[in-house]
Amino acid sequence: MTDARRALPAIGVLLARRGVQALGEGAPRALLAEAARRAVADVREGRTPVPSDEAGWVARIAEVLHALQQPSLRAVFNATGVVLHTNLGRAPLAHAALEAINGTAAGACNLEYDIAEGRRGSRYAHCVALLCELTGAEDAIVVNNCAAALVLALNTFARDREAIVSRGELVEIGGSFRVPEIMARSGAALHEVGTTNRTHVDDYRAALGTATGALVKVHRSNFEITGFVAEATVRDLAPVAGTHGVPLLYDFGSGLMVDLSAHGLAGEPVARDGVRDGATLTMMSGDKLLGGPQAGIIVGRAEAVDACRRNPLCRALRVDKLTLAALEATLVLYRDPAAAMREVPVLAMLTAPADDIRARSESLGDALRAAGIPCDVVPAEATVGGGAFPAARIPSWAVALQGDALARDRQLRRGTEPVVGRIERDRLHLDLRSVPAALDLHLRRAIIGACAP
């Protein structure tokens, strides 16, 4: 039998066909030619079958062209029930933050210009006043993420010296990155004390010496240890660090600004706690429970923050104008905690009453069934995600699609507007707690567009 792949058409022949030429009306010829080459290569290498006629080739090239025109970074609907999903971009931004980005990105801005004095300014001046106001710190600086903030602080105070840290706090974070490996990149030598489950103040005190550059406290935000445990708090360690004249560096992580215990989420410290309890520097993320853009925020004592600011490494870790614009707009919301709970999407999603989630799920379920997509509305449990409140389970509701769960998952992921859910008990569940309520109508359209018969 003759292999049909031996008679594949030349690229030039394909590009000359009327149907393929019609595809080029919305694409540059070079891109169309690349789509044709890839379509032929897919057939030649056996990834796709040989099209039987010209219409088949046009359809295949159109499919490849569409894929080439899709941006790599795309908006998706997070219906996993994990509110701060690291793989899905963590915190959605508040409307005020989006407006600030648009206003700053559209033209010139005073990123490094002092308008009042008419001379060069510093990008590190932005957000400082707000961060100090909200946390009680003397000074602040913003870099590109929390790991960078920790590296900068350690490099500033403990390069070629020892950083004392509990063994129970040498955690692994997302993407297989480990805190001790990140800390080592700062040039500090780690001096581990205590055990996995129990570390006491005296362990730190005994380790202090002439080679000590800093004490380090890492908040275990993405897991819990229970049972026979002990740890030294920031409040415990502050006087020890002060007596020996070394800084206490607190990797706080989550960025939580308001107490959520009234909403069933208790046990997570807030940013102000580290400053109040005596940490020299407190480091946190901008895109977790703070609900802003990716950023590493350092707050604390003025002389310590200034030392970080003067470190040449700071320039390599600096943030851009869009991050600063979004962060400032988000921080402004926290001046009125009630407004922040309404307008910062992460806080609104985490604290929404379960009955509200159920009503939204029922509405979505009704619309899907009317479109011929069988489903049920079922109780669910959402999680915070983002390495915060690891043991918390938040009552929620989900739309459970009937039919083959893997097939439904593929349909939704490959739709024009991808929807990501979770498979549970052989059904695809779409948990609306992790979807901002303002997107409900768009989510409905995306699901119907991908799954309607």
Protein backbone atom coordinates (compact mmCIF):
# COMPACT_ATOMS: atom_id res chain seq x y z
CA MET A 1 0.00 0.00 0.00
CA THR A 2 1.30 3.45 -0.94
CA ASP A 3 1.84 5.79 2.02
CA ALA A 4 -0.22 8.94 1.35
CA ARG A 5 2.39 11.00 3.15
CA ARG A 6 4.78 10.50 0.21
CA ALA A 7 2.56 12.73 -1.93
CA LEU A 8 2.17 15.68 0.44
CA PRO A 9 1.60 19.00 -1.36
CA ALA A 10 4.32 21.62 -1.51
CA ILE A 11 3.89 24.68 0.71
CA GLY A 12 3.68 26.94 -2.32
CA VAL A 13 0.90 24.81 -3.80
CA LEU A 14 -1.09 25.00 -0.58
CA LEU A 15 -0.66 28.79 -0.33
CA ALA A 16 -1.92 29.18 -3.90
CA ARG A 17 -5.23 27.47 -3.15
CA ARG A 18 -8.21 29.77 -2.90
CA GLY A 19 -9.40 28.51 0.47
CA VAL A 20 -5.95 29.00 2.03
CA GLN A 21 -5.61 32.45 0.48
CA ALA A 22 -8.91 33.41 2.11
CA LEU A 23 -7.39 32.59 5.49
CA GLY A 24 -4.68 35.15 4.81
CA GLU A 25 -7.14 38.03 4.86
CA GLY A 26 -6.75 38.20 8.63
CA ALA A 27 -3.10 37.20 8.93
CA PRO A 28 0.31 38.19 7.53
CA ARG A 29 1.48 35.96 4.67
CA ALA A 30 4.56 34.87 6.63
CA LEU A 31 2.34 33.60 9.45
CA LEU A 32 0.06 31.83 6.97
CA ALA A 33 3.09 30.15 5.40
CA GLU A 34 4.28 29.02 8.83
CA ALA A 35 0.83 27.55 9.54
CA ALA A 36 0.97 25.64 6.26
CA ARG A 37 4.47 24.32 7.04
CA ARG A 38 3.37 23.13 10.47
CA ALA A 39 0.24 21.50 9.07
CA VAL A 40 2.33 19.55 6.55
CA ALA A 41 4.91 18.66 9.21
CA ASP A 42 2.18 17.32 11.52
CA VAL A 43 0.96 15.02 8.75
CA ARG A 44 4.46 13.96 7.69
CA GLU A 45 5.41 13.04 11.27
CA GLY A 46 2.17 11.18 11.89
CA ARG A 47 0.66 13.53 14.46
CA THR A 48 -2.43 14.12 12.34
CA PRO A 49 -4.03 12.11 9.48
CA VAL A 50 -3.61 13.09 5.84
CA PRO A 51 -6.47 15.42 4.75
CA SER A 52 -8.53 13.76 2.02
CA ASP A 53 -9.18 16.87 -0.08
CA GLU A 54 -8.55 20.60 -0.39
CA ALA A 55 -11.23 21.46 2.18
CA GLY A 56 -9.47 19.19 4.66
CA TRP A 57 -6.16 20.99 4.14
CA VAL A 58 -7.82 24.38 4.51
CA ALA A 59 -9.46 23.30 7.75
CA ARG A 60 -6.18 21.93 9.12
CA ILE A 61 -4.21 25.05 8.20
CA ALA A 62 -6.95 27.23 9.70
CA GLU A 63 -6.69 25.28 12.95
CA VAL A 64 -2.91 25.70 13.09
CA LEU A 65 -3.20 29.39 12.17
CA HIS A 66 -5.69 29.96 14.97
CA ALA A 67 -3.30 28.34 17.46
CA LEU A 68 -0.42 30.52 16.26
CA GLN A 69 -2.52 33.65 16.69
CA GLN A 70 -3.51 32.83 20.27
CA PRO A 71 -1.47 34.69 22.90
CA SER A 72 0.52 32.47 25.22
CA LEU A 73 -0.74 34.28 28.32
CA ARG A 74 -4.55 34.19 28.31
CA ALA A 75 -7.40 34.93 30.65
CA VAL A 76 -9.09 31.84 32.10
CA PHE A 77 -11.94 31.24 34.52
CA ASN A 78 -10.75 29.80 37.81
CA ALA A 79 -13.59 27.49 38.87
CA THR A 80 -11.34 25.17 40.89
CA GLY A 81 -12.50 26.41 44.28
CA VAL A 82 -8.90 27.41 45.11
CA VAL A 83 -9.24 31.15 45.45
CA LEU A 84 -5.53 32.01 45.28
CA HIS A 85 -4.46 29.52 42.62
CA THR A 86 -0.76 30.08 41.90
CA ASN A 87 -0.96 28.33 38.52
CA LEU A 88 -3.84 30.61 37.54
CA GLY A 89 -2.22 33.91 38.49
CA ARG A 90 -3.18 34.19 42.17
CA ALA A 91 -5.11 37.34 43.08
CA PRO A 92 -7.43 39.00 40.55
CA LEU A 93 -7.03 42.75 40.81
CA ALA A 94 -9.56 45.22 42.13
CA HIS A 95 -11.27 47.54 39.66
CA ALA A 96 -9.36 50.47 41.15
CA ALA A 97 -6.06 48.69 40.48
CA LEU A 98 -7.01 48.00 36.85
CA GLU A 99 -7.91 51.64 36.37
CA ALA A 100 -4.59 52.68 37.88
CA ILE A 101 -2.69 50.41 35.50
CA ASN A 102 -4.54 51.82 32.50
CA GLY A 103 -3.97 55.40 33.62
CA THR A 104 -0.27 54.82 34.21
CA ALA A 105 0.42 52.69 31.13
CA ALA A 106 -1.28 54.98 28.60
CA GLY A 107 1.41 57.66 28.71
CA ALA A 108 4.21 59.12 30.76
CA CYS A 109 4.15 59.04 34.57
CA ASN A 110 6.24 60.27 37.47
CA LEU A 111 7.90 56.90 38.12
CA GLU A 112 11.26 58.50 38.93
CA TYR A 113 10.36 62.18 38.86
CA ASP A 114 9.61 64.43 41.82
CA ILE A 115 6.75 66.62 40.59
CA ALA A 116 6.84 68.95 43.60
CA GLU A 117 10.57 69.64 43.32
CA GLY A 118 10.89 69.38 39.54
CA ARG A 119 13.83 67.00 39.67
CA ARG A 120 14.71 63.32 39.52
CA GLY A 121 12.90 61.21 42.09
CA SER A 122 12.90 57.54 43.09
CA ARG A 123 10.58 54.72 42.16
CA TYR A 124 11.07 53.47 45.71
CA ALA A 125 9.15 56.45 47.07
CA HIS A 126 5.84 55.15 45.73
CA CYS A 127 3.59 53.17 48.11
CA VAL A 128 5.89 53.91 51.08
CA ALA A 129 3.55 56.27 52.92
CA LEU A 130 0.59 53.92 52.51
CA LEU A 131 2.52 50.86 53.65
CA CYS A 132 3.78 52.70 56.72
CA GLU A 133 0.28 53.97 57.50
CA LEU A 134 -1.28 50.51 57.20
CA THR A 135 1.41 48.50 59.03
CA GLY A 136 2.87 50.96 61.53
CA ALA A 137 6.34 50.59 59.98
CA GLU A 138 8.88 53.41 59.76
CA ASP A 139 9.77 52.76 56.12
CA ALA A 140 9.05 50.39 53.26
CA ILE A 141 10.36 49.22 49.91
CA VAL A 142 8.77 47.19 47.10
CA VAL A 143 10.64 44.64 44.96
CA ASN A 144 9.40 42.04 42.49
CA ASN A 145 8.31 39.17 44.77
CA CYS A 146 8.57 37.91 48.34
CA ALA A 147 11.48 35.57 47.60
CA ALA A 148 13.36 38.54 46.18
CA ALA A 149 12.56 40.54 49.32
CA LEU A 150 14.02 37.79 51.50
CA VAL A 151 17.14 37.48 49.34
CA LEU A 152 17.65 41.25 49.40
CA ALA A 153 17.30 41.44 53.18
CA LEU A 154 19.66 38.51 53.77
CA ASN A 155 22.20 39.80 51.27
CA THR A 156 22.13 43.18 52.96
CA PHE A 157 22.64 41.91 56.52
CA ALA A 158 24.02 38.38 56.38
CA ARG A 159 26.16 38.05 53.25
CA ASP A 160 29.23 35.95 54.16
CA ARG A 161 27.77 35.62 57.63
CA GLU A 162 25.34 33.25 59.32
CA ALA A 163 21.55 33.45 59.23
CA ILE A 164 20.02 31.50 62.10
CA VAL A 165 16.74 29.75 61.21
CA SER A 166 14.62 26.94 62.62
CA ARG A 167 14.75 23.56 60.86
CA GLY A 168 10.97 23.48 61.10
CA GLU A 169 10.74 26.58 58.92
CA LEU A 170 12.93 25.49 55.99
CA VAL A 171 9.90 24.89 53.80
CA GLU A 172 9.37 24.12 50.14
CA ILE A 173 7.16 26.51 48.21
CA GLY A 174 5.55 26.25 44.77
CA GLY A 175 7.45 24.95 41.77
CA SER A 176 9.78 22.83 43.97
CA PHE A 177 11.62 25.94 45.17
CA ARG A 178 12.93 25.56 48.70
CA VAL A 179 13.42 28.39 51.14
CA PRO A 180 16.91 27.23 52.22
CA GLU A 181 18.09 27.18 48.61
CA ILE A 182 16.69 30.66 48.00
CA MET A 183 18.29 31.91 51.21
CA ALA A 184 21.66 30.43 50.23
CA ARG A 185 21.61 32.46 47.00
CA SER A 186 21.79 35.60 49.13
CA GLY A 187 25.34 34.73 50.18
CA ALA A 188 24.32 33.92 53.75
CA ALA A 189 25.36 30.70 55.45
CA LEU A 190 22.36 28.99 57.04
CA HIS A 191 22.72 27.98 60.65
CA GLU A 192 19.88 25.60 61.40
CA VAL A 193 18.60 25.24 64.96
CA GLY A 194 15.98 23.16 66.73
CA THR A 195 14.13 20.21 65.22
CA THR A 196 11.35 19.78 62.70
CA ASN A 197 8.63 19.94 65.34
CA ARG A 198 10.17 21.87 68.24
CA THR A 199 12.40 24.95 68.28
CA HIS A 200 12.89 27.12 71.37
CA VAL A 201 14.21 30.62 71.95
CA ASP A 202 17.24 29.13 73.69
CA ASP A 203 18.14 27.31 70.46
CA TYR A 204 18.55 30.66 68.72
CA ARG A 205 20.34 32.18 71.70
CA ALA A 206 22.84 29.34 71.84
CA ALA A 207 23.63 29.68 68.15
CA LEU A 208 24.42 33.40 68.30
CA GLY A 209 28.06 34.30 67.82
CA THR A 210 30.47 36.69 66.15
CA ALA A 211 29.59 35.22 62.73
CA THR A 212 25.85 35.84 63.10
CA GLY A 213 24.37 38.25 60.56
CA ALA A 214 20.65 37.84 61.27
CA LEU A 215 17.93 35.84 62.94
CA VAL A 216 15.32 34.62 60.46
CA LYS A 217 11.70 33.73 61.21
CA VAL A 218 9.69 32.09 58.41
CA HIS A 219 5.93 31.91 58.80
CA ARG A 220 4.81 28.37 57.90
CA SER A 221 1.92 29.48 55.75
CA ASN A 222 1.46 26.49 53.42
CA PHE A 223 1.32 23.67 55.98
CA GLU A 224 0.63 23.02 59.65
CA ILE A 225 2.44 20.99 62.28
CA THR A 226 0.29 19.78 65.17
CA GLY A 227 0.83 17.63 68.22
CA PHE A 228 4.09 17.80 70.21
CA VAL A 229 5.28 21.14 68.81
CA ALA A 230 6.92 24.37 69.92
CA GLU A 231 8.17 27.43 68.11
CA ALA A 232 9.70 30.78 68.95
CA THR A 233 7.51 33.68 67.87
CA VAL A 234 8.61 37.04 66.53
CA ARG A 235 7.77 38.54 69.90
CA ASP A 236 10.00 35.92 71.58
CA LEU A 237 12.92 36.50 69.24
CA ALA A 238 12.88 40.30 69.06
CA PRO A 239 14.59 40.89 72.44
CA VAL A 240 17.19 38.22 71.69
CA ALA A 241 18.07 39.89 68.40
CA GLY A 242 18.08 43.32 70.05
CA THR A 243 20.38 42.25 72.86
CA HIS A 244 22.93 40.87 70.43
CA GLY A 245 22.61 43.73 67.93
CA VAL A 246 21.49 41.66 64.93
CA PRO A 247 18.39 42.17 62.80
CA LEU A 248 15.34 39.91 63.02
CA LEU A 249 14.06 39.19 59.51
CA TYR A 250 10.47 37.94 59.35
CA ASP A 251 9.27 36.22 56.17
CA PHE A 252 5.56 36.72 56.76
CA GLY A 253 4.46 35.76 53.25
CA SER A 254 0.70 36.08 52.89
CA GLY A 255 0.33 39.87 53.01
CA LEU A 256 -2.92 39.68 54.98
CA MET A 257 -3.92 43.19 56.07
CA VAL A 258 -7.23 42.54 57.85
CA ASP A 259 -8.30 39.95 60.39
CA LEU A 260 -10.62 37.37 58.79
CA SER A 261 -11.46 35.42 61.93
CA ALA A 262 -15.03 36.76 61.92
CA HIS A 263 -15.45 34.90 58.62
CA GLY A 264 -14.17 31.60 59.92
CA LEU A 265 -10.57 32.11 58.81
CA ALA A 266 -8.53 32.36 61.98
CA GLY A 267 -4.90 31.86 62.92
CA GLU A 268 -3.16 33.83 60.17
CA PRO A 269 -1.21 36.86 61.41
CA VAL A 270 -1.69 40.25 59.78
CA ALA A 271 1.08 42.45 58.43
CA ARG A 272 0.94 44.89 61.33
CA ASP A 273 1.71 42.07 63.80
CA GLY A 274 5.30 41.60 62.66
CA VAL A 275 6.07 45.29 62.98
CA ARG A 276 4.35 45.53 66.37
CA ASP A 277 6.11 42.44 67.73
CA GLY A 278 9.58 43.77 66.97
CA ALA A 279 10.75 42.37 63.62
CA THR A 280 13.46 44.52 62.11
CA LEU A 281 12.06 43.79 58.66
CA THR A 282 8.85 42.03 57.65
CA MET A 283 8.59 40.59 54.12
CA MET A 284 5.34 39.71 52.35
CA SER A 285 3.76 39.06 48.95
CA GLY A 286 1.54 41.49 47.11
CA ASP A 287 -0.52 38.94 45.16
CA LYS A 288 -1.71 36.65 47.93
CA LEU A 289 -4.12 37.71 50.67
CA LEU A 290 -3.31 41.38 50.14
CA GLY A 291 -5.06 40.97 46.78
CA GLY A 292 -2.72 43.09 44.66
CA PRO A 293 -0.14 42.49 41.93
CA GLN A 294 2.91 40.26 42.26
CA ALA A 295 5.35 42.15 44.47
CA GLY A 296 7.70 41.65 47.39
CA ILE A 297 7.02 44.14 50.15
CA ILE A 298 9.51 44.94 52.91
CA VAL A 299 8.37 47.04 55.87
CA GLY A 300 10.21 47.83 59.07
CA ARG A 301 12.75 50.06 60.71
CA ALA A 302 13.94 53.03 58.70
CA GLU A 303 17.68 52.32 58.87
CA ALA A 304 17.20 48.69 57.88
CA VAL A 305 14.95 49.50 54.93
CA ASP A 306 17.37 52.20 53.80
CA ALA A 307 20.22 49.68 53.88
CA CYS A 308 18.21 47.40 51.57
CA ARG A 309 17.41 50.32 49.30
CA ARG A 310 21.13 51.17 48.95
CA ASN A 311 22.12 47.57 48.19
CA PRO A 312 23.10 47.34 44.47
CA LEU A 313 21.10 44.10 44.27
CA CYS A 314 17.97 46.18 44.81
CA ARG A 315 18.17 47.48 41.24
CA ALA A 316 18.09 43.95 39.84
CA LEU A 317 14.95 43.23 41.85
CA ARG A 318 13.06 46.46 41.24
CA VAL A 319 9.44 46.65 40.15
CA ASP A 320 7.93 48.47 37.19
CA LYS A 321 5.42 51.30 37.06
CA LEU A 322 2.41 49.04 36.44
CA THR A 323 3.08 47.00 39.58
CA LEU A 324 3.46 50.15 41.67
CA ALA A 325 0.27 51.65 40.22
CA ALA A 326 -1.78 48.54 40.96
CA LEU A 327 -0.29 48.08 44.43
CA GLU A 328 -0.91 51.69 45.45
CA ALA A 329 -4.52 51.56 44.28
CA THR A 330 -5.05 48.32 46.20
CA LEU A 331 -3.49 49.69 49.38
CA VAL A 332 -5.71 52.77 49.26
CA LEU A 333 -8.74 50.48 49.62
CA TYR A 334 -7.45 49.26 52.97
CA ARG A 335 -7.86 52.70 54.51
CA ASP A 336 -11.51 51.67 54.81
CA PRO A 337 -11.47 47.97 55.83
CA ALA A 338 -15.16 47.58 54.98
CA ALA A 339 -14.50 48.88 51.47
CA ALA A 340 -11.52 46.55 51.12
CA MET A 341 -13.70 43.56 52.03
CA ARG A 342 -16.11 44.51 49.24
CA GLU A 343 -13.73 45.72 46.55
CA VAL A 344 -10.61 43.53 46.85
CA PRO A 345 -11.74 40.44 44.90
CA VAL A 346 -9.80 37.94 47.02
CA LEU A 347 -11.41 39.16 50.23
CA ALA A 348 -14.85 39.32 48.64
CA MET A 349 -14.57 35.74 47.37
CA LEU A 350 -13.23 34.34 50.63
CA THR A 351 -15.89 35.98 52.79
CA ALA A 352 -18.97 35.64 50.54
CA PRO A 353 -21.81 33.83 52.37
CA ALA A 354 -22.28 30.24 51.22
CA ASP A 355 -25.92 31.03 50.44
CA ASP A 356 -24.77 33.63 47.90
CA ILE A 357 -22.51 31.07 46.22
CA ARG A 358 -25.41 28.63 46.13
CA ALA A 359 -27.73 31.17 44.50
CA ARG A 360 -25.13 31.95 41.83
CA SER A 361 -24.59 28.22 41.23
CA GLU A 362 -28.32 27.59 40.89
CA SER A 363 -28.59 30.40 38.34
CA LEU A 364 -25.67 28.99 36.35
CA GLY A 365 -27.08 25.47 36.55
CA ASP A 366 -30.48 26.62 35.25
CA ALA A 367 -28.84 28.38 32.30
CA LEU A 368 -26.71 25.35 31.42
CA ARG A 369 -29.62 22.93 31.55
CA ALA A 370 -31.65 25.28 29.34
CA ALA A 371 -28.77 25.11 26.84
CA GLY A 372 -28.85 21.31 26.85
CA ILE A 373 -25.92 20.78 29.24
CA PRO A 374 -27.00 18.41 32.04
CA CYS A 375 -25.67 19.30 35.47
CA ASP A 376 -26.42 19.40 39.19
CA VAL A 377 -25.71 21.95 41.90
CA VAL A 378 -23.85 20.30 44.78
CA PRO A 379 -22.25 21.33 48.09
CA ALA A 380 -18.51 21.87 47.90
CA GLU A 381 -15.50 22.89 49.95
CA ALA A 382 -13.24 25.67 48.71
CA THR A 383 -9.73 26.47 49.90
CA VAL A 384 -7.73 29.68 50.20
CA GLY A 385 -4.64 28.61 48.25
CA GLY A 386 -1.53 30.70 47.73
CA GLY A 387 0.16 29.14 50.75
CA ALA A 388 -2.30 30.61 53.27
CA PHE A 389 -4.72 29.05 55.76
CA PRO A 390 -3.60 25.56 54.66
CA ALA A 391 -6.10 23.68 56.82
CA ALA A 392 -9.10 25.90 56.13
CA ARG A 393 -12.07 24.47 54.27
CA ILE A 394 -14.64 27.06 53.21
CA PRO A 395 -18.26 25.97 52.64
CA SER A 396 -19.15 26.50 49.00
CA TRP A 397 -21.32 25.27 46.12
CA ALA A 398 -20.43 23.97 42.69
CA VAL A 399 -22.06 23.08 39.40
CA ALA A 400 -21.25 19.42 38.68
CA LEU A 401 -21.42 18.66 34.95
CA GLN A 402 -22.80 15.29 33.92
CA GLY A 403 -20.96 13.13 31.41
CA ASP A 404 -17.37 12.02 31.07
CA ALA A 405 -15.36 14.26 33.41
CA LEU A 406 -12.14 14.17 31.39
CA ALA A 407 -13.99 14.96 28.17
CA ARG A 408 -15.82 17.88 29.80
CA ASP A 409 -12.52 19.13 31.20
CA ARG A 410 -10.93 19.08 27.74
CA GLN A 411 -13.92 20.87 26.21
CA LEU A 412 -13.77 23.68 28.72
CA ARG A 413 -10.00 24.08 28.67
CA ARG A 414 -9.96 24.24 24.87
CA GLY A 415 -12.84 26.65 24.53
CA THR A 416 -12.47 30.20 23.26
CA GLU A 417 -12.46 31.34 26.90
CA PRO A 418 -10.86 28.49 28.88
CA VAL A 419 -12.59 27.33 32.05
CA VAL A 420 -10.60 25.36 34.65
CA GLY A 421 -12.54 23.28 37.17
CA ARG A 422 -11.70 20.28 39.33
CA ILE A 423 -12.60 16.62 38.91
CA GLU A 424 -14.20 15.13 41.98
CA ARG A 425 -15.97 11.77 42.25
CA ASP A 426 -15.74 11.30 38.47
CA ARG A 427 -17.51 14.57 37.68
CA LEU A 428 -16.21 17.97 36.66
CA HIS A 429 -17.08 20.49 39.37
CA LEU A 430 -17.17 24.24 38.76
CA ASP A 431 -16.89 25.97 42.14
CA LEU A 432 -18.06 29.57 41.95
CA ARG A 433 -16.35 30.73 45.14
CA SER A 434 -13.15 31.22 43.14
CA VAL A 435 -14.93 33.13 40.35
CA PRO A 436 -15.59 36.84 40.95
CA ALA A 437 -19.36 37.39 40.89
CA ALA A 438 -18.98 40.08 38.23
CA LEU A 439 -17.82 37.38 35.78
CA ASP A 440 -20.84 35.08 36.15
CA LEU A 441 -22.45 36.01 32.83
CA HIS A 442 -19.13 35.66 30.97
CA LEU A 443 -18.54 32.28 32.61
CA ARG A 444 -22.00 31.10 31.54
CA ARG A 445 -21.31 32.08 27.93
CA ALA A 446 -17.91 30.37 27.97
CA ILE A 447 -19.33 27.08 29.25
CA ILE A 448 -22.24 27.07 26.82
CA GLY A 449 -19.93 27.99 23.95
CA ALA A 450 -17.64 25.07 24.74
CA CYS A 451 -20.14 22.39 25.79
CA ALA A 452 -23.54 23.04 24.21
CA PRO A 453 -24.68 20.18 21.94
